[in-house]
Amino acid sequence: MFPGRGWYPSQCQPDFYVSCLSFAPAGQIAPVNYIAINFAGVWGFLRWHEMPDLYSVIGFGIILLAILLCRPLFQRENS
């Protein structure tokens, strides 16, 4: 198609996501997929000087907490 217009990442992301599912359960991988929301918030702050509101900060925290709670080391410690 158009290699210079960014088609490569959008075409490969589903392949990488599916291959990750062969290494770990979906419950551990799915929360990490939402980290893109946090990166978008940080990018908006750094690039366009957008200030996140309280609900955005709470959402960022919930995403980070979900990632920490789903990591295998945390699950083994509580077993």
PDB file of N, CA and C in Angstrom:
ATOM      1  N   MET A   1       0.829  -1.183   0.000  1.00  0.00           N
ATOM      2  CA  MET A   1       0.000   0.000   0.000  1.00  0.00           C
ATOM      3  C   MET A   1       0.876   1.250   0.000  1.00  0.00           C
ATOM      4  N   PHE A   2       0.863   1.971   1.134  1.00  0.00           N
ATOM      5  CA  PHE A   2       1.637   3.208   1.245  1.00  0.00           C
ATOM      6  C   PHE A   2       2.594   3.099   2.425  1.00  0.00           C
ATOM      7  N   PRO A   3       3.796   2.544   2.212  1.00  0.00           N
ATOM      8  CA  PRO A   3       4.708   2.334   3.337  1.00  0.00           C
ATOM      9  C   PRO A   3       5.070   3.605   4.087  1.00  0.00           C
ATOM     10  N   GLY A   4       5.114   4.728   3.430  1.00  0.00           N
ATOM     11  CA  GLY A   4       5.492   5.963   4.096  1.00  0.00           C
ATOM     12  C   GLY A   4       4.375   6.609   4.880  1.00  0.00           C
ATOM     13  N   ARG A   5       3.173   6.069   4.819  1.00  0.00           N
ATOM     14  CA  ARG A   5       2.030   6.714   5.458  1.00  0.00           C
ATOM     15  C   ARG A   5       1.569   5.993   6.722  1.00  0.00           C
ATOM     16  N   GLY A   6       2.372   5.094   7.261  1.00  0.00           N
ATOM     17  CA  GLY A   6       2.056   4.509   8.552  1.00  0.00           C
ATOM     18  C   GLY A   6       1.195   3.274   8.522  1.00  0.00           C
ATOM     19  N   TRP A   7       1.149   2.552   7.433  1.00  0.00           N
ATOM     20  CA  TRP A   7       0.311   1.362   7.391  1.00  0.00           C
ATOM     21  C   TRP A   7       0.929   0.217   8.161  1.00  0.00           C
ATOM     22  N   TYR A   8       2.245   0.170   8.283  1.00  0.00           N
ATOM     23  CA  TYR A   8       2.921  -0.982   8.883  1.00  0.00           C
ATOM     24  C   TYR A   8       2.498  -1.243  10.336  1.00  0.00           C
ATOM     25  N   PRO A   9       2.552  -0.262  11.245  1.00  0.00           N
ATOM     26  CA  PRO A   9       2.146  -0.553  12.628  1.00  0.00           C
ATOM     27  C   PRO A   9       0.688  -0.975  12.737  1.00  0.00           C
ATOM     28  N   SER A  10      -0.176  -0.362  11.983  1.00  0.00           N
ATOM     29  CA  SER A  10      -1.587  -0.719  12.110  1.00  0.00           C
ATOM     30  C   SER A  10      -1.868  -2.100  11.548  1.00  0.00           C
ATOM     31  N   GLN A  11      -1.056  -2.570  10.617  1.00  0.00           N
ATOM     32  CA  GLN A  11      -1.251  -3.897  10.060  1.00  0.00           C
ATOM     33  C   GLN A  11      -0.638  -4.979  10.949  1.00  0.00           C
ATOM     34  N   CYS A  12       0.437  -4.664  11.650  1.00  0.00           N
ATOM     35  CA  CYS A  12       1.151  -5.669  12.442  1.00  0.00           C
ATOM     36  C   CYS A  12       0.654  -5.778  13.872  1.00  0.00           C
ATOM     37  N   GLN A  13       0.013  -4.779  14.405  1.00  0.00           N
ATOM     38  CA  GLN A  13      -0.408  -4.803  15.804  1.00  0.00           C
ATOM     39  C   GLN A  13      -1.307  -5.989  16.118  1.00  0.00           C
ATOM     40  N   PRO A  14      -2.316  -6.312  15.310  1.00  0.00           N
ATOM     41  CA  PRO A  14      -3.130  -7.497  15.643  1.00  0.00           C
ATOM     42  C   PRO A  14      -2.325  -8.788  15.622  1.00  0.00           C
ATOM     43  N   ASP A  15      -1.342  -8.895  14.727  1.00  0.00           N
ATOM     44  CA  ASP A  15      -0.519 -10.100  14.676  1.00  0.00           C
ATOM     45  C   ASP A  15       0.305 -10.254  15.943  1.00  0.00           C
ATOM     46  N   PHE A  16       0.888  -9.162  16.430  1.00  0.00           N
ATOM     47  CA  PHE A  16       1.666  -9.217  17.663  1.00  0.00           C
ATOM     48  C   PHE A  16       0.774  -9.547  18.857  1.00  0.00           C
ATOM     49  N   TYR A  17      -0.411  -8.987  18.872  1.00  0.00           N
ATOM     50  CA  TYR A  17      -1.334  -9.224  19.982  1.00  0.00           C
ATOM     51  C   TYR A  17      -1.744 -10.688  20.030  1.00  0.00           C
ATOM     52  N   VAL A  18      -2.037 -11.270  18.888  1.00  0.00           N
ATOM     53  CA  VAL A  18      -2.435 -12.682  18.837  1.00  0.00           C
ATOM     54  C   VAL A  18      -1.260 -13.575  19.217  1.00  0.00           C
ATOM     55  N   SER A  19      -0.054 -13.244  18.778  1.00  0.00           N
ATOM     56  CA  SER A  19       1.097 -14.071  19.142  1.00  0.00           C
ATOM     57  C   SER A  19       1.405 -13.965  20.632  1.00  0.00           C
ATOM     58  N   CYS A  20       1.105 -12.839  21.250  1.00  0.00           N
ATOM     59  CA  CYS A  20       1.300 -12.708  22.700  1.00  0.00           C
ATOM     60  C   CYS A  20       0.385 -13.646  23.468  1.00  0.00           C
ATOM     61  N   LEU A  21      -0.776 -13.918  22.922  1.00  0.00           N
ATOM     62  CA  LEU A  21      -1.717 -14.794  23.603  1.00  0.00           C
ATOM     63  C   LEU A  21      -1.206 -16.227  23.713  1.00  0.00           C
ATOM     64  N   SER A  22      -0.217 -16.602  22.915  1.00  0.00           N
ATOM     65  CA  SER A  22       0.357 -17.936  23.038  1.00  0.00           C
ATOM     66  C   SER A  22       1.352 -18.024  24.189  1.00  0.00           C
ATOM     67  N   PHE A  23       1.786 -16.883  24.720  1.00  0.00           N
ATOM     68  CA  PHE A  23       2.761 -16.880  25.802  1.00  0.00           C
ATOM     69  C   PHE A  23       2.152 -16.641  27.183  1.00  0.00           C
ATOM     70  N   ALA A  24       0.990 -16.038  27.244  1.00  0.00           N
ATOM     71  CA  ALA A  24       0.367 -15.717  28.530  1.00  0.00           C
ATOM     72  C   ALA A  24      -1.150 -15.725  28.372  1.00  0.00           C
ATOM     73  N   PRO A  25      -1.869 -15.902  29.478  1.00  0.00           N
ATOM     74  CA  PRO A  25      -3.333 -15.861  29.399  1.00  0.00           C
ATOM     75  C   PRO A  25      -3.840 -14.472  29.003  1.00  0.00           C
ATOM     76  N   ALA A  26      -4.983 -14.451  28.389  1.00  0.00           N
ATOM     77  CA  ALA A  26      -5.558 -13.182  27.922  1.00  0.00           C
ATOM     78  C   ALA A  26      -5.816 -12.223  29.079  1.00  0.00           C
ATOM     79  N   GLY A  27      -6.116 -12.737  30.251  1.00  0.00           N
ATOM     80  CA  GLY A  27      -6.362 -11.893  31.409  1.00  0.00           C
ATOM     81  C   GLY A  27      -5.154 -11.097  31.854  1.00  0.00           C
ATOM     82  N   GLN A  28      -3.968 -11.574  31.511  1.00  0.00           N
ATOM     83  CA  GLN A  28      -2.752 -10.842  31.853  1.00  0.00           C
ATOM     84  C   GLN A  28      -2.343  -9.873  30.756  1.00  0.00           C
ATOM     85  N   ILE A  29      -2.737 -10.144  29.535  1.00  0.00           N
ATOM     86  CA  ILE A  29      -2.329  -9.315  28.407  1.00  0.00           C
ATOM     87  C   ILE A  29      -3.306  -8.179  28.148  1.00  0.00           C
ATOM     88  N   ALA A  30      -4.584  -8.411  28.323  1.00  0.00           N
ATOM     89  CA  ALA A  30      -5.608  -7.416  27.961  1.00  0.00           C
ATOM     90  C   ALA A  30      -5.427  -6.074  28.671  1.00  0.00           C
ATOM     91  N   PRO A  31      -5.147  -6.031  29.975  1.00  0.00           N
ATOM     92  CA  PRO A  31      -4.979  -4.714  30.606  1.00  0.00           C
ATOM     93  C   PRO A  31      -3.808  -3.910  30.039  1.00  0.00           C
ATOM     94  N   VAL A  32      -2.771  -4.577  29.587  1.00  0.00           N
ATOM     95  CA  VAL A  32      -1.616  -3.871  29.036  1.00  0.00           C
ATOM     96  C   VAL A  32      -1.991  -3.189  27.726  1.00  0.00           C
ATOM     97  N   ASN A  33      -2.982  -3.732  27.023  1.00  0.00           N
ATOM     98  CA  ASN A  33      -3.435  -3.116  25.775  1.00  0.00           C
ATOM     99  C   ASN A  33      -4.001  -1.717  26.033  1.00  0.00           C
ATOM    100  N   TYR A  34      -4.525  -1.473  27.221  1.00  0.00           N
ATOM    101  CA  TYR A  34      -5.106  -0.168  27.547  1.00  0.00           C
ATOM    102  C   TYR A  34      -4.065   0.884  27.926  1.00  0.00           C
ATOM    103  N   ILE A  35      -2.794   0.502  28.016  1.00  0.00           N
ATOM    104  CA  ILE A  35      -1.760   1.473  28.347  1.00  0.00           C
ATOM    105  C   ILE A  35      -1.642   2.538  27.256  1.00  0.00           C
ATOM    106  N   ALA A  36      -2.154   2.249  26.069  1.00  0.00           N
ATOM    107  CA  ALA A  36      -2.139   3.239  24.986  1.00  0.00           C
ATOM    108  C   ALA A  36      -2.932   4.483  25.373  1.00  0.00           C
ATOM    109  N   ILE A  37      -3.960   4.321  26.194  1.00  0.00           N
ATOM    110  CA  ILE A  37      -4.733   5.473  26.659  1.00  0.00           C
ATOM    111  C   ILE A  37      -3.855   6.376  27.520  1.00  0.00           C
ATOM    112  N   ASN A  38      -3.050   5.767  28.391  1.00  0.00           N
ATOM    113  CA  ASN A  38      -2.143   6.558  29.228  1.00  0.00           C
ATOM    114  C   ASN A  38      -1.103   7.275  28.369  1.00  0.00           C
ATOM    115  N   PHE A  39      -0.554   6.574  27.372  1.00  0.00           N
ATOM    116  CA  PHE A  39       0.428   7.204  26.496  1.00  0.00           C
ATOM    117  C   PHE A  39      -0.203   8.361  25.727  1.00  0.00           C
ATOM    118  N   ALA A  40      -1.440   8.201  25.311  1.00  0.00           N
ATOM    119  CA  ALA A  40      -2.109   9.297  24.604  1.00  0.00           C
ATOM    120  C   ALA A  40      -2.269  10.512  25.511  1.00  0.00           C
ATOM    121  N   GLY A  41      -2.574  10.275  26.785  1.00  0.00           N
ATOM    122  CA  GLY A  41      -2.691  11.379  27.732  1.00  0.00           C
ATOM    123  C   GLY A  41      -1.369  12.082  27.966  1.00  0.00           C
ATOM    124  N   VAL A  42      -0.309  11.306  28.105  1.00  0.00           N
ATOM    125  CA  VAL A  42       1.022  11.896  28.295  1.00  0.00           C
ATOM    126  C   VAL A  42       1.439  12.645  27.039  1.00  0.00           C
ATOM    127  N   TRP A  43       1.191  12.057  25.859  1.00  0.00           N
ATOM    128  CA  TRP A  43       1.531  12.725  24.604  1.00  0.00           C
ATOM    129  C   TRP A  43       0.764  14.034  24.459  1.00  0.00           C
ATOM    130  N   GLY A  44      -0.518  14.023  24.808  1.00  0.00           N
ATOM    131  CA  GLY A  44      -1.307  15.249  24.736  1.00  0.00           C
ATOM    132  C   GLY A  44      -0.774  16.329  25.663  1.00  0.00           C
ATOM    133  N   PHE A  45      -0.304  15.909  26.831  1.00  0.00           N
ATOM    134  CA  PHE A  45       0.261  16.874  27.773  1.00  0.00           C
ATOM    135  C   PHE A  45       1.579  17.450  27.254  1.00  0.00           C
ATOM    136  N   LEU A  46       2.450  16.578  26.763  1.00  0.00           N
ATOM    137  CA  LEU A  46       3.766  17.029  26.323  1.00  0.00           C
ATOM    138  C   LEU A  46       3.716  17.806  25.012  1.00  0.00           C
ATOM    139  N   ARG A  47       2.889  17.355  24.091  1.00  0.00           N
ATOM    140  CA  ARG A  47       2.889  17.960  22.757  1.00  0.00           C
ATOM    141  C   ARG A  47       1.972  19.172  22.654  1.00  0.00           C
ATOM    142  N   TRP A  48       0.765  19.050  23.213  1.00  0.00           N
ATOM    143  CA  TRP A  48      -0.224  20.113  23.040  1.00  0.00           C
ATOM    144  C   TRP A  48      -0.582  20.828  24.341  1.00  0.00           C
ATOM    145  N   HIS A  49       0.143  20.518  25.415  1.00  0.00           N
ATOM    146  CA  HIS A  49      -0.042  21.171  26.711  1.00  0.00           C
ATOM    147  C   HIS A  49      -1.479  21.029  27.227  1.00  0.00           C
ATOM    148  N   GLU A  50      -2.080  19.865  26.971  1.00  0.00           N
ATOM    149  CA  GLU A  50      -3.422  19.593  27.484  1.00  0.00           C
ATOM    150  C   GLU A  50      -3.308  19.107  28.924  1.00  0.00           C
ATOM    151  N   MET A  51      -4.102  19.664  29.782  1.00  0.00           N
ATOM    152  CA  MET A  51      -4.110  19.257  31.185  1.00  0.00           C
ATOM    153  C   MET A  51      -5.213  18.226  31.402  1.00  0.00           C
ATOM    154  N   PRO A  52      -4.872  17.054  31.924  1.00  0.00           N
ATOM    155  CA  PRO A  52      -5.915  16.056  32.179  1.00  0.00           C
ATOM    156  C   PRO A  52      -6.790  16.488  33.353  1.00  0.00           C
ATOM    157  N   ASP A  53      -8.072  16.183  33.255  1.00  0.00           N
ATOM    158  CA  ASP A  53      -8.965  16.500  34.364  1.00  0.00           C
ATOM    159  C   ASP A  53      -8.917  15.375  35.395  1.00  0.00           C
ATOM    160  N   LEU A  54      -9.668  15.527  36.450  1.00  0.00           N
ATOM    161  CA  LEU A  54      -9.656  14.560  37.549  1.00  0.00           C
ATOM    162  C   LEU A  54     -10.073  13.170  37.081  1.00  0.00           C
ATOM    163  N   TYR A  55     -11.086  13.096  36.227  1.00  0.00           N
ATOM    164  CA  TYR A  55     -11.550  11.793  35.748  1.00  0.00           C
ATOM    165  C   TYR A  55     -10.487  11.093  34.899  1.00  0.00           C
ATOM    166  N   SER A  56      -9.733  11.841  34.148  1.00  0.00           N
ATOM    167  CA  SER A  56      -8.656  11.256  33.350  1.00  0.00           C
ATOM    168  C   SER A  56      -7.565  10.682  34.249  1.00  0.00           C
ATOM    169  N   VAL A  57      -7.189  11.424  35.274  1.00  0.00           N
ATOM    170  CA  VAL A  57      -6.155  10.952  36.198  1.00  0.00           C
ATOM    171  C   VAL A  57      -6.634   9.705  36.935  1.00  0.00           C
ATOM    172  N   ILE A  58      -7.891   9.684  37.346  1.00  0.00           N
ATOM    173  CA  ILE A  58      -8.442   8.496  38.001  1.00  0.00           C
ATOM    174  C   ILE A  58      -8.428   7.313  37.034  1.00  0.00           C
ATOM    175  N   GLY A  59      -8.792   7.544  35.774  1.00  0.00           N
ATOM    176  CA  GLY A  59      -8.761   6.486  34.767  1.00  0.00           C
ATOM    177  C   GLY A  59      -7.362   5.962  34.522  1.00  0.00           C
ATOM    178  N   PHE A  60      -6.377   6.860  34.464  1.00  0.00           N
ATOM    179  CA  PHE A  60      -4.987   6.442  34.307  1.00  0.00           C
ATOM    180  C   PHE A  60      -4.576   5.550  35.473  1.00  0.00           C
ATOM    181  N   GLY A  61      -4.971   5.946  36.669  1.00  0.00           N
ATOM    182  CA  GLY A  61      -4.630   5.158  37.851  1.00  0.00           C
ATOM    183  C   GLY A  61      -5.286   3.788  37.843  1.00  0.00           C
ATOM    184  N   ILE A  62      -6.530   3.717  37.413  1.00  0.00           N
ATOM    185  CA  ILE A  62      -7.226   2.422  37.345  1.00  0.00           C
ATOM    186  C   ILE A  62      -6.537   1.499  36.340  1.00  0.00           C
ATOM    187  N   ILE A  63      -6.121   2.043  35.211  1.00  0.00           N
ATOM    188  CA  ILE A  63      -5.428   1.226  34.211  1.00  0.00           C
ATOM    189  C   ILE A  63      -4.109   0.696  34.774  1.00  0.00           C
ATOM    190  N   LEU A  64      -3.345   1.563  35.428  1.00  0.00           N
ATOM    191  CA  LEU A  64      -2.069   1.123  36.007  1.00  0.00           C
ATOM    192  C   LEU A  64      -2.283   0.099  37.115  1.00  0.00           C
ATOM    193  N   LEU A  65      -3.309   0.299  37.922  1.00  0.00           N
ATOM    194  CA  LEU A  65      -3.611  -0.663  38.982  1.00  0.00           C
ATOM    195  C   LEU A  65      -4.008  -2.011  38.394  1.00  0.00           C
ATOM    196  N   ALA A  66      -4.801  -2.014  37.333  1.00  0.00           N
ATOM    197  CA  ALA A  66      -5.195  -3.267  36.693  1.00  0.00           C
ATOM    198  C   ALA A  66      -3.990  -4.005  36.128  1.00  0.00           C
ATOM    199  N   ILE A  67      -3.054  -3.261  35.557  1.00  0.00           N
ATOM    200  CA  ILE A  67      -1.844  -3.900  35.025  1.00  0.00           C
ATOM    201  C   ILE A  67      -1.039  -4.521  36.157  1.00  0.00           C
ATOM    202  N   LEU A  68      -0.909  -3.813  37.262  1.00  0.00           N
ATOM    203  CA  LEU A  68      -0.148  -4.351  38.393  1.00  0.00           C
ATOM    204  C   LEU A  68      -0.831  -5.568  39.010  1.00  0.00           C
ATOM    205  N   LEU A  69      -2.148  -5.546  39.101  1.00  0.00           N
ATOM    206  CA  LEU A  69      -2.866  -6.671  39.705  1.00  0.00           C
ATOM    207  C   LEU A  69      -2.885  -7.902  38.809  1.00  0.00           C
ATOM    208  N   CYS A  70      -2.741  -7.730  37.517  1.00  0.00           N
ATOM    209  CA  CYS A  70      -2.782  -8.859  36.589  1.00  0.00           C
ATOM    210  C   CYS A  70      -1.413  -9.440  36.280  1.00  0.00           C
ATOM    211  N   ARG A  71      -0.375  -8.858  36.801  1.00  0.00           N
ATOM    212  CA  ARG A  71       0.952  -9.386  36.489  1.00  0.00           C
ATOM    213  C   ARG A  71       1.161 -10.712  37.214  1.00  0.00           C
ATOM    214  N   PRO A  72       1.881 -11.636  36.607  1.00  0.00           N
ATOM    215  CA  PRO A  72       2.042 -12.981  37.178  1.00  0.00           C
ATOM    216  C   PRO A  72       2.719 -12.988  38.540  1.00  0.00           C
ATOM    217  N   LEU A  73       3.691 -12.118  38.773  1.00  0.00           N
ATOM    218  CA  LEU A  73       4.391 -12.106  40.057  1.00  0.00           C
ATOM    219  C   LEU A  73       3.432 -11.784  41.186  1.00  0.00           C
ATOM    220  N   PHE A  74       2.542 -10.822  40.984  1.00  0.00           N
ATOM    221  CA  PHE A  74       1.561 -10.467  42.009  1.00  0.00           C
ATOM    222  C   PHE A  74       0.601 -11.615  42.272  1.00  0.00           C
ATOM    223  N   GLN A  75       0.221 -12.329  41.232  1.00  0.00           N
ATOM    224  CA  GLN A  75      -0.716 -13.433  41.398  1.00  0.00           C
ATOM    225  C   GLN A  75      -0.080 -14.590  42.131  1.00  0.00           C
ATOM    226  N   ARG A  76       1.224 -14.836  41.920  1.00  0.00           N
ATOM    227  CA  ARG A  76       1.916 -15.910  42.649  1.00  0.00           C
ATOM    228  C   ARG A  76       2.105 -15.571  44.119  1.00  0.00           C
ATOM    229  N   GLU A  77       2.347 -14.287  44.422  1.00  0.00           N
ATOM    230  CA  GLU A  77       2.539 -13.877  45.815  1.00  0.00           C
ATOM    231  C   GLU A  77       1.277 -14.071  46.640  1.00  0.00           C
ATOM    232  N   ASN A  78       0.117 -13.887  46.020  1.00  0.00           N
ATOM    233  CA  ASN A  78      -1.153 -13.991  46.731  1.00  0.00           C
ATOM    234  C   ASN A  78      -1.731 -15.398  46.714  1.00  0.00           C
ATOM    235  N   SER A  79      -1.087 -16.336  46.049  1.00  0.00           N
ATOM    236  CA  SER A  79      -1.617 -17.706  45.996  1.00  0.00           C
ATOM    237  C   SER A  79      -1.205 -18.494  47.208  1.00  0.00           C
TER     238      SER A  79
END
